[in-house]
Amino acid sequence: GRQSRLTEDGRRLLEYARRMIRLNDETLAAFID
């Protein structure tokens, strides 16, 4: 309709994306102020 929804693959990707971003941010935070 007037909305876009995440597909099942989109939902799976969202879980992985959050984990990748969190790990990236934690890694950088360990080496920079």
PDB file of all heavy atoms in Angstrom:
ATOM      1  N   GLY A   1       0.833  -1.195   0.000  1.00  0.00           N
ATOM      2  CA  GLY A   1       0.000   0.000   0.000  1.00  0.00           C
ATOM      3  C   GLY A   1       0.867   1.243   0.000  1.00  0.00           C
ATOM      4  O   GLY A   1       1.731   1.412  -0.855  1.00  0.00           O
ATOM      5  N   ARG A   2       0.675   2.104   0.996  1.00  0.00           N
ATOM      6  CA  ARG A   2       1.446   3.332   1.100  1.00  0.00           C
ATOM      7  C   ARG A   2       2.700   3.153   1.952  1.00  0.00           C
ATOM      8  O   ARG A   2       3.400   4.110   2.243  1.00  0.00           O
ATOM      9  CB  ARG A   2       0.580   4.450   1.695  1.00  0.00           C
ATOM     10  CG  ARG A   2      -0.604   4.839   0.832  1.00  0.00           C
ATOM     11  CD  ARG A   2      -1.247   6.104   1.337  1.00  0.00           C
ATOM     12  NE  ARG A   2      -0.298   7.205   1.310  1.00  0.00           N
ATOM     13  CZ  ARG A   2      -0.200   8.127   2.275  1.00  0.00           C
ATOM     14  NH1 ARG A   2      -0.938   8.042   3.353  1.00  0.00           N
ATOM     15  NH2 ARG A   2       0.669   9.113   2.168  1.00  0.00           N
ATOM     16  N   GLN A   3       2.965   1.923   2.365  1.00  0.00           N
ATOM     17  CA  GLN A   3       4.143   1.672   3.187  1.00  0.00           C
ATOM     18  C   GLN A   3       5.076   0.691   2.508  1.00  0.00           C
ATOM     19  O   GLN A   3       4.666  -0.111   1.668  1.00  0.00           O
ATOM     20  CB  GLN A   3       3.739   1.111   4.554  1.00  0.00           C
ATOM     21  CG  GLN A   3       3.061   2.129   5.464  1.00  0.00           C
ATOM     22  CD  GLN A   3       2.848   1.554   6.849  1.00  0.00           C
ATOM     23  OE1 GLN A   3       2.553   0.383   6.999  1.00  0.00           O
ATOM     24  NE2 GLN A   3       2.999   2.387   7.864  1.00  0.00           N
ATOM     25  N   SER A   4       6.345   0.790   2.867  1.00  0.00           N
ATOM     26  CA  SER A   4       7.320  -0.222   2.498  1.00  0.00           C
ATOM     27  C   SER A   4       7.596  -1.055   3.729  1.00  0.00           C
ATOM     28  O   SER A   4       7.694  -0.526   4.842  1.00  0.00           O
ATOM     29  CB  SER A   4       8.618   0.424   1.992  1.00  0.00           C
ATOM     30  OG  SER A   4       8.395   1.108   0.782  1.00  0.00           O
ATOM     31  N   ARG A   5       7.682  -2.369   3.536  1.00  0.00           N
ATOM     32  CA  ARG A   5       7.941  -3.263   4.662  1.00  0.00           C
ATOM     33  C   ARG A   5       9.216  -4.049   4.399  1.00  0.00           C
ATOM     34  O   ARG A   5       9.583  -4.290   3.245  1.00  0.00           O
ATOM     35  CB  ARG A   5       6.777  -4.232   4.864  1.00  0.00           C
ATOM     36  CG  ARG A   5       5.456  -3.563   5.172  1.00  0.00           C
ATOM     37  CD  ARG A   5       4.311  -4.555   5.103  1.00  0.00           C
ATOM     38  NE  ARG A   5       4.468  -5.639   6.047  1.00  0.00           N
ATOM     39  CZ  ARG A   5       4.026  -5.591   7.308  1.00  0.00           C
ATOM     40  NH1 ARG A   5       3.407  -4.511   7.755  1.00  0.00           N
ATOM     41  NH2 ARG A   5       4.199  -6.607   8.126  1.00  0.00           N
ATOM     42  N   LEU A   6       9.864  -4.429   5.479  1.00  0.00           N
ATOM     43  CA  LEU A   6      11.032  -5.288   5.329  1.00  0.00           C
ATOM     44  C   LEU A   6      10.576  -6.683   4.922  1.00  0.00           C
ATOM     45  O   LEU A   6       9.623  -7.218   5.472  1.00  0.00           O
ATOM     46  CB  LEU A   6      11.814  -5.371   6.641  1.00  0.00           C
ATOM     47  CG  LEU A   6      12.520  -4.102   7.121  1.00  0.00           C
ATOM     48  CD1 LEU A   6      13.288  -4.403   8.404  1.00  0.00           C
ATOM     49  CD2 LEU A   6      13.445  -3.543   6.073  1.00  0.00           C
ATOM     50  N   THR A   7      11.254  -7.247   3.951  1.00  0.00           N
ATOM     51  CA  THR A   7      11.018  -8.635   3.588  1.00  0.00           C
ATOM     52  C   THR A   7      11.633  -9.537   4.657  1.00  0.00           C
ATOM     53  O   THR A   7      12.322  -9.057   5.576  1.00  0.00           O
ATOM     54  CB  THR A   7      11.645  -8.950   2.223  1.00  0.00           C
ATOM     55  OG1 THR A   7      13.074  -8.788   2.341  1.00  0.00           O
ATOM     56  CG2 THR A   7      11.115  -8.009   1.140  1.00  0.00           C
ATOM     57  N   GLU A   8      11.430 -10.833   4.525  1.00  0.00           N
ATOM     58  CA  GLU A   8      12.062 -11.766   5.456  1.00  0.00           C
ATOM     59  C   GLU A   8      13.583 -11.651   5.369  1.00  0.00           C
ATOM     60  O   GLU A   8      14.281 -11.698   6.380  1.00  0.00           O
ATOM     61  CB  GLU A   8      11.613 -13.201   5.162  1.00  0.00           C
ATOM     62  CG  GLU A   8      10.203 -13.505   5.636  1.00  0.00           C
ATOM     63  CD  GLU A   8      10.043 -13.279   7.129  1.00  0.00           C
ATOM     64  OE1 GLU A   8      10.941 -13.696   7.903  1.00  0.00           O
ATOM     65  OE2 GLU A   8       9.035 -12.679   7.524  1.00  0.00           O
ATOM     66  N   ASP A   9      14.100 -11.482   4.139  1.00  0.00           N
ATOM     67  CA  ASP A   9      15.548 -11.281   3.990  1.00  0.00           C
ATOM     68  C   ASP A   9      15.980  -9.963   4.606  1.00  0.00           C
ATOM     69  O   ASP A   9      17.079  -9.847   5.162  1.00  0.00           O
ATOM     70  CB  ASP A   9      15.934 -11.323   2.513  1.00  0.00           C
ATOM     71  CG  ASP A   9      15.881 -12.734   1.939  1.00  0.00           C
ATOM     72  OD1 ASP A   9      16.329 -13.661   2.635  1.00  0.00           O
ATOM     73  OD2 ASP A   9      15.390 -12.893   0.809  1.00  0.00           O
ATOM     74  N   GLY A  10      15.099  -8.930   4.524  1.00  0.00           N
ATOM     75  CA  GLY A  10      15.399  -7.644   5.141  1.00  0.00           C
ATOM     76  C   GLY A  10      15.482  -7.760   6.652  1.00  0.00           C
ATOM     77  O   GLY A  10      16.338  -7.146   7.296  1.00  0.00           O
ATOM     78  N   ARG A  11      14.599  -8.561   7.241  1.00  0.00           N
ATOM     79  CA  ARG A  11      14.633  -8.773   8.691  1.00  0.00           C
ATOM     80  C   ARG A  11      15.915  -9.492   9.100  1.00  0.00           C
ATOM     81  O   ARG A  11      16.527  -9.171  10.124  1.00  0.00           O
ATOM     82  CB  ARG A  11      13.414  -9.594   9.125  1.00  0.00           C
ATOM     83  CG  ARG A  11      12.078  -8.867   8.978  1.00  0.00           C
ATOM     84  CD  ARG A  11      10.918  -9.819   9.246  1.00  0.00           C
ATOM     85  NE  ARG A  11       9.645  -9.197   8.988  1.00  0.00           N
ATOM     86  CZ  ARG A  11       8.820  -8.715   9.924  1.00  0.00           C
ATOM     87  NH1 ARG A  11       9.192  -8.780  11.191  1.00  0.00           N
ATOM     88  NH2 ARG A  11       7.666  -8.170   9.612  1.00  0.00           N
ATOM     89  N   ARG A  12      16.306 -10.480   8.316  1.00  0.00           N
ATOM     90  CA  ARG A  12      17.560 -11.191   8.613  1.00  0.00           C
ATOM     91  C   ARG A  12      18.748 -10.244   8.502  1.00  0.00           C
ATOM     92  O   ARG A  12      19.657 -10.253   9.347  1.00  0.00           O
ATOM     93  CB  ARG A  12      17.731 -12.355   7.650  1.00  0.00           C
ATOM     94  CG  ARG A  12      16.764 -13.519   7.858  1.00  0.00           C
ATOM     95  CD  ARG A  12      16.922 -14.548   6.753  1.00  0.00           C
ATOM     96  NE  ARG A  12      18.294 -15.026   6.676  1.00  0.00           N
ATOM     97  CZ  ARG A  12      18.857 -15.481   5.569  1.00  0.00           C
ATOM     98  NH1 ARG A  12      18.184 -15.493   4.435  1.00  0.00           N
ATOM     99  NH2 ARG A  12      20.100 -15.911   5.585  1.00  0.00           N
ATOM    100  N   LEU A  13      18.732  -9.419   7.458  1.00  0.00           N
ATOM    101  CA  LEU A  13      19.837  -8.482   7.262  1.00  0.00           C
ATOM    102  C   LEU A  13      19.914  -7.477   8.404  1.00  0.00           C
ATOM    103  O   LEU A  13      21.012  -7.090   8.825  1.00  0.00           O
ATOM    104  CB  LEU A  13      19.665  -7.750   5.926  1.00  0.00           C
ATOM    105  CG  LEU A  13      20.735  -6.693   5.600  1.00  0.00           C
ATOM    106  CD1 LEU A  13      22.118  -7.335   5.515  1.00  0.00           C
ATOM    107  CD2 LEU A  13      20.392  -5.971   4.301  1.00  0.00           C
ATOM    108  N   LEU A  14      18.755  -7.045   8.926  1.00  0.00           N
ATOM    109  CA  LEU A  14      18.737  -6.058  10.005  1.00  0.00           C
ATOM    110  C   LEU A  14      19.491  -6.576  11.230  1.00  0.00           C
ATOM    111  O   LEU A  14      20.254  -5.839  11.860  1.00  0.00           O
ATOM    112  CB  LEU A  14      17.290  -5.725  10.375  1.00  0.00           C
ATOM    113  CG  LEU A  14      17.096  -4.680  11.472  1.00  0.00           C
ATOM    114  CD1 LEU A  14      17.700  -3.342  11.070  1.00  0.00           C
ATOM    115  CD2 LEU A  14      15.606  -4.517  11.789  1.00  0.00           C
ATOM    116  N   GLU A  15      19.303  -7.832  11.551  1.00  0.00           N
ATOM    117  CA  GLU A  15      20.003  -8.418  12.707  1.00  0.00           C
ATOM    118  C   GLU A  15      21.509  -8.403  12.492  1.00  0.00           C
ATOM    119  O   GLU A  15      22.277  -8.014  13.377  1.00  0.00           O
ATOM    120  CB  GLU A  15      19.513  -9.852  12.930  1.00  0.00           C
ATOM    121  CG  GLU A  15      20.198 -10.556  14.093  1.00  0.00           C
ATOM    122  CD  GLU A  15      19.717 -11.980  14.272  1.00  0.00           C
ATOM    123  OE1 GLU A  15      18.711 -12.357  13.635  1.00  0.00           O
ATOM    124  OE2 GLU A  15      20.359 -12.725  15.038  1.00  0.00           O
ATOM    125  N   TYR A  16      21.948  -8.831  11.300  1.00  0.00           N
ATOM    126  CA  TYR A  16      23.383  -8.841  11.006  1.00  0.00           C
ATOM    127  C   TYR A  16      23.946  -7.416  10.953  1.00  0.00           C
ATOM    128  O   TYR A  16      25.071  -7.163  11.414  1.00  0.00           O
ATOM    129  CB  TYR A  16      23.644  -9.537   9.672  1.00  0.00           C
ATOM    130  CG  TYR A  16      23.519 -11.037   9.728  1.00  0.00           C
ATOM    131  CD1 TYR A  16      22.495 -11.688   9.048  1.00  0.00           C
ATOM    132  CD2 TYR A  16      24.422 -11.810  10.444  1.00  0.00           C
ATOM    133  CE1 TYR A  16      22.375 -13.072   9.089  1.00  0.00           C
ATOM    134  CE2 TYR A  16      24.310 -13.196  10.492  1.00  0.00           C
ATOM    135  CZ  TYR A  16      23.281 -13.817   9.810  1.00  0.00           C
ATOM    136  OH  TYR A  16      23.168 -15.183   9.853  1.00  0.00           O
ATOM    137  N   ALA A  17      23.167  -6.484  10.380  1.00  0.00           N
ATOM    138  CA  ALA A  17      23.640  -5.102  10.243  1.00  0.00           C
ATOM    139  C   ALA A  17      23.902  -4.488  11.610  1.00  0.00           C
ATOM    140  O   ALA A  17      24.914  -3.808  11.822  1.00  0.00           O
ATOM    141  CB  ALA A  17      22.610  -4.279   9.471  1.00  0.00           C
ATOM    142  N   ARG A  18      22.987  -4.707  12.545  1.00  0.00           N
ATOM    143  CA  ARG A  18      23.170  -4.152  13.890  1.00  0.00           C
ATOM    144  C   ARG A  18      24.421  -4.722  14.548  1.00  0.00           C
ATOM    145  O   ARG A  18      25.173  -4.005  15.216  1.00  0.00           O
ATOM    146  CB  ARG A  18      21.932  -4.446  14.736  1.00  0.00           C
ATOM    147  CG  ARG A  18      20.735  -3.560  14.395  1.00  0.00           C
ATOM    148  CD  ARG A  18      19.489  -4.014  15.102  1.00  0.00           C
ATOM    149  NE  ARG A  18      18.421  -3.030  14.974  1.00  0.00           N
ATOM    150  CZ  ARG A  18      17.129  -3.315  15.084  1.00  0.00           C
ATOM    151  NH1 ARG A  18      16.739  -4.563  15.319  1.00  0.00           N
ATOM    152  NH2 ARG A  18      16.219  -2.368  14.965  1.00  0.00           N
ATOM    153  N   ARG A  19      24.653  -6.004  14.370  1.00  0.00           N
ATOM    154  CA  ARG A  19      25.830  -6.625  14.971  1.00  0.00           C
ATOM    155  C   ARG A  19      27.113  -6.096  14.352  1.00  0.00           C
ATOM    156  O   ARG A  19      28.104  -5.829  15.049  1.00  0.00           O
ATOM    157  CB  ARG A  19      25.742  -8.142  14.810  1.00  0.00           C
ATOM    158  CG  ARG A  19      24.703  -8.781  15.723  1.00  0.00           C
ATOM    159  CD  ARG A  19      24.288 -10.151  15.255  1.00  0.00           C
ATOM    160  NE  ARG A  19      25.419 -11.068  15.149  1.00  0.00           N
ATOM    161  CZ  ARG A  19      25.308 -12.313  14.653  1.00  0.00           C
ATOM    162  NH1 ARG A  19      24.136 -12.735  14.219  1.00  0.00           N
ATOM    163  NH2 ARG A  19      26.365 -13.089  14.608  1.00  0.00           N
ATOM    164  N   MET A  20      27.118  -5.924  13.024  1.00  0.00           N
ATOM    165  CA  MET A  20      28.313  -5.423  12.340  1.00  0.00           C
ATOM    166  C   MET A  20      28.621  -3.992  12.738  1.00  0.00           C
ATOM    167  O   MET A  20      29.776  -3.634  12.979  1.00  0.00           O
ATOM    168  CB  MET A  20      28.108  -5.518  10.833  1.00  0.00           C
ATOM    169  CG  MET A  20      28.087  -6.941  10.298  1.00  0.00           C
ATOM    170  SD  MET A  20      27.785  -7.014   8.524  1.00  0.00           S
ATOM    171  CE  MET A  20      29.303  -6.266   7.906  1.00  0.00           C
ATOM    172  N   ILE A  21      27.577  -3.158  12.828  1.00  0.00           N
ATOM    173  CA  ILE A  21      27.778  -1.758  13.203  1.00  0.00           C
ATOM    174  C   ILE A  21      28.281  -1.665  14.642  1.00  0.00           C
ATOM    175  O   ILE A  21      29.193  -0.889  14.952  1.00  0.00           O
ATOM    176  CB  ILE A  21      26.480  -0.963  13.025  1.00  0.00           C
ATOM    177  CG1 ILE A  21      26.129  -0.857  11.535  1.00  0.00           C
ATOM    178  CG2 ILE A  21      26.595   0.423  13.652  1.00  0.00           C
ATOM    179  CD1 ILE A  21      24.738  -0.318  11.275  1.00  0.00           C
ATOM    180  N   ARG A  22      27.684  -2.463  15.528  1.00  0.00           N
ATOM    181  CA  ARG A  22      28.102  -2.431  16.932  1.00  0.00           C
ATOM    182  C   ARG A  22      29.564  -2.856  17.075  1.00  0.00           C
ATOM    183  O   ARG A  22      30.326  -2.223  17.809  1.00  0.00           O
ATOM    184  CB  ARG A  22      27.194  -3.338  17.761  1.00  0.00           C
ATOM    185  CG  ARG A  22      27.521  -3.324  19.254  1.00  0.00           C
ATOM    186  CD  ARG A  22      26.447  -4.005  20.073  1.00  0.00           C
ATOM    187  NE  ARG A  22      26.256  -5.392  19.687  1.00  0.00           N
ATOM    188  CZ  ARG A  22      25.190  -5.862  19.068  1.00  0.00           C
ATOM    189  NH1 ARG A  22      24.202  -5.039  18.744  1.00  0.00           N
ATOM    190  NH2 ARG A  22      25.082  -7.141  18.768  1.00  0.00           N
ATOM    191  N   LEU A  23      29.944  -3.919  16.371  1.00  0.00           N
ATOM    192  CA  LEU A  23      31.333  -4.376  16.453  1.00  0.00           C
ATOM    193  C   LEU A  23      32.288  -3.339  15.875  1.00  0.00           C
ATOM    194  O   LEU A  23      33.359  -3.073  16.440  1.00  0.00           O
ATOM    195  CB  LEU A  23      31.494  -5.698  15.696  1.00  0.00           C
ATOM    196  CG  LEU A  23      32.899  -6.309  15.700  1.00  0.00           C
ATOM    197  CD1 LEU A  23      33.369  -6.550  17.126  1.00  0.00           C
ATOM    198  CD2 LEU A  23      32.918  -7.596  14.896  1.00  0.00           C
ATOM    199  N   ASN A  24      31.896  -2.704  14.775  1.00  0.00           N
ATOM    200  CA  ASN A  24      32.730  -1.652  14.184  1.00  0.00           C
ATOM    201  C   ASN A  24      32.918  -0.493  15.156  1.00  0.00           C
ATOM    202  O   ASN A  24      34.041  -0.006  15.358  1.00  0.00           O
ATOM    203  CB  ASN A  24      32.073  -1.152  12.896  1.00  0.00           C
ATOM    204  CG  ASN A  24      32.835   0.008  12.273  1.00  0.00           C
ATOM    205  OD1 ASN A  24      33.826  -0.174  11.590  1.00  0.00           O
ATOM    206  ND2 ASN A  24      32.355   1.227  12.500  1.00  0.00           N
ATOM    207  N   ASP A  25      31.818  -0.059  15.784  1.00  0.00           N
ATOM    208  CA  ASP A  25      31.890   1.082  16.704  1.00  0.00           C
ATOM    209  C   ASP A  25      32.708   0.747  17.944  1.00  0.00           C
ATOM    210  O   ASP A  25      33.468   1.579  18.451  1.00  0.00           O
ATOM    211  CB  ASP A  25      30.486   1.528  17.096  1.00  0.00           C
ATOM    212  CG  ASP A  25      29.710   2.125  15.924  1.00  0.00           C
ATOM    213  OD1 ASP A  25      30.358   2.438  14.906  1.00  0.00           O
ATOM    214  OD2 ASP A  25      28.482   2.269  16.033  1.00  0.00           O
ATOM    215  N   GLU A  26      32.541  -0.479  18.444  1.00  0.00           N
ATOM    216  CA  GLU A  26      33.306  -0.891  19.619  1.00  0.00           C
ATOM    217  C   GLU A  26      34.797  -0.956  19.299  1.00  0.00           C
ATOM    218  O   GLU A  26      35.646  -0.588  20.119  1.00  0.00           O
ATOM    219  CB  GLU A  26      32.816  -2.250  20.106  1.00  0.00           C
ATOM    220  CG  GLU A  26      31.435  -2.212  20.743  1.00  0.00           C
ATOM    221  CD  GLU A  26      30.937  -3.594  21.101  1.00  0.00           C
ATOM    222  OE1 GLU A  26      31.639  -4.582  20.799  1.00  0.00           O
ATOM    223  OE2 GLU A  26      29.835  -3.689  21.675  1.00  0.00           O
ATOM    224  N   THR A  27      35.122  -1.424  18.105  1.00  0.00           N
ATOM    225  CA  THR A  27      36.525  -1.515  17.696  1.00  0.00           C
ATOM    226  C   THR A  27      37.159  -0.138  17.610  1.00  0.00           C
ATOM    227  O   THR A  27      38.257   0.100  18.135  1.00  0.00           O
ATOM    228  CB  THR A  27      36.642  -2.229  16.337  1.00  0.00           C
ATOM    229  OG1 THR A  27      36.059  -3.537  16.437  1.00  0.00           O
ATOM    230  CG2 THR A  27      38.105  -2.356  15.927  1.00  0.00           C
ATOM    231  N   LEU A  28      36.467   0.791  16.944  1.00  0.00           N
ATOM    232  CA  LEU A  28      37.006   2.144  16.815  1.00  0.00           C
ATOM    233  C   LEU A  28      37.117   2.832  18.170  1.00  0.00           C
ATOM    234  O   LEU A  28      38.087   3.547  18.437  1.00  0.00           O
ATOM    235  CB  LEU A  28      36.116   2.969  15.876  1.00  0.00           C
ATOM    236  CG  LEU A  28      36.154   2.572  14.396  1.00  0.00           C
ATOM    237  CD1 LEU A  28      35.197   3.433  13.605  1.00  0.00           C
ATOM    238  CD2 LEU A  28      37.563   2.707  13.842  1.00  0.00           C
ATOM    239  N   ALA A  29      36.113   2.610  19.033  1.00  0.00           N
ATOM    240  CA  ALA A  29      36.117   3.250  20.351  1.00  0.00           C
ATOM    241  C   ALA A  29      37.310   2.797  21.190  1.00  0.00           C
ATOM    242  O   ALA A  29      37.771   3.519  22.075  1.00  0.00           O
ATOM    243  CB  ALA A  29      34.814   2.945  21.088  1.00  0.00           C
ATOM    244  N   ALA A  30      37.804   1.616  20.907  1.00  0.00           N
ATOM    245  CA  ALA A  30      38.942   1.101  21.674  1.00  0.00           C
ATOM    246  C   ALA A  30      40.253   1.764  21.285  1.00  0.00           C
ATOM    247  O   ALA A  30      41.244   1.683  22.012  1.00  0.00           O
ATOM    248  CB  ALA A  30      39.056  -0.418  21.477  1.00  0.00           C
ATOM    249  N   PHE A  31      40.278   2.466  20.138  1.00  0.00           N
ATOM    250  CA  PHE A  31      41.535   3.029  19.648  1.00  0.00           C
ATOM    251  C   PHE A  31      41.517   4.543  19.481  1.00  0.00           C
ATOM    252  O   PHE A  31      42.568   5.135  19.244  1.00  0.00           O
ATOM    253  CB  PHE A  31      41.888   2.387  18.298  1.00  0.00           C
ATOM    254  CG  PHE A  31      42.242   0.939  18.405  1.00  0.00           C
ATOM    255  CD1 PHE A  31      41.284  -0.030  18.161  1.00  0.00           C
ATOM    256  CD2 PHE A  31      43.512   0.536  18.767  1.00  0.00           C
ATOM    257  CE1 PHE A  31      41.594  -1.377  18.270  1.00  0.00           C
ATOM    258  CE2 PHE A  31      43.845  -0.818  18.872  1.00  0.00           C
ATOM    259  CZ  PHE A  31      42.872  -1.772  18.631  1.00  0.00           C
ATOM    260  N   ILE A  32      40.373   5.159  19.594  1.00  0.00           N
ATOM    261  CA  ILE A  32      40.314   6.611  19.426  1.00  0.00           C
ATOM    262  C   ILE A  32      39.618   7.242  20.618  1.00  0.00           C
ATOM    263  O   ILE A  32      38.842   6.599  21.327  1.00  0.00           O
ATOM    264  CB  ILE A  32      39.581   7.003  18.122  1.00  0.00           C
ATOM    265  CG1 ILE A  32      38.122   6.532  18.163  1.00  0.00           C
ATOM    266  CG2 ILE A  32      40.278   6.446  16.907  1.00  0.00           C
ATOM    267  CD1 ILE A  32      37.303   6.990  16.965  1.00  0.00           C
ATOM    268  N   ASP A  33      39.900   8.531  20.826  1.00  0.00           N
ATOM    269  CA  ASP A  33      39.227   9.271  21.879  1.00  0.00           C
ATOM    270  C   ASP A  33      37.792   9.562  21.451  1.00  0.00           C
ATOM    271  O   ASP A  33      37.538   9.898  20.295  1.00  0.00           O
ATOM    272  CB  ASP A  33      39.944  10.599  22.138  1.00  0.00           C
ATOM    273  CG  ASP A  33      41.320  10.389  22.723  1.00  0.00           C
ATOM    274  OD1 ASP A  33      41.492   9.376  23.424  1.00  0.00           O
ATOM    275  OD2 ASP A  33      42.199  11.230  22.467  1.00  0.00           O
TER     276      ASP A  33
END
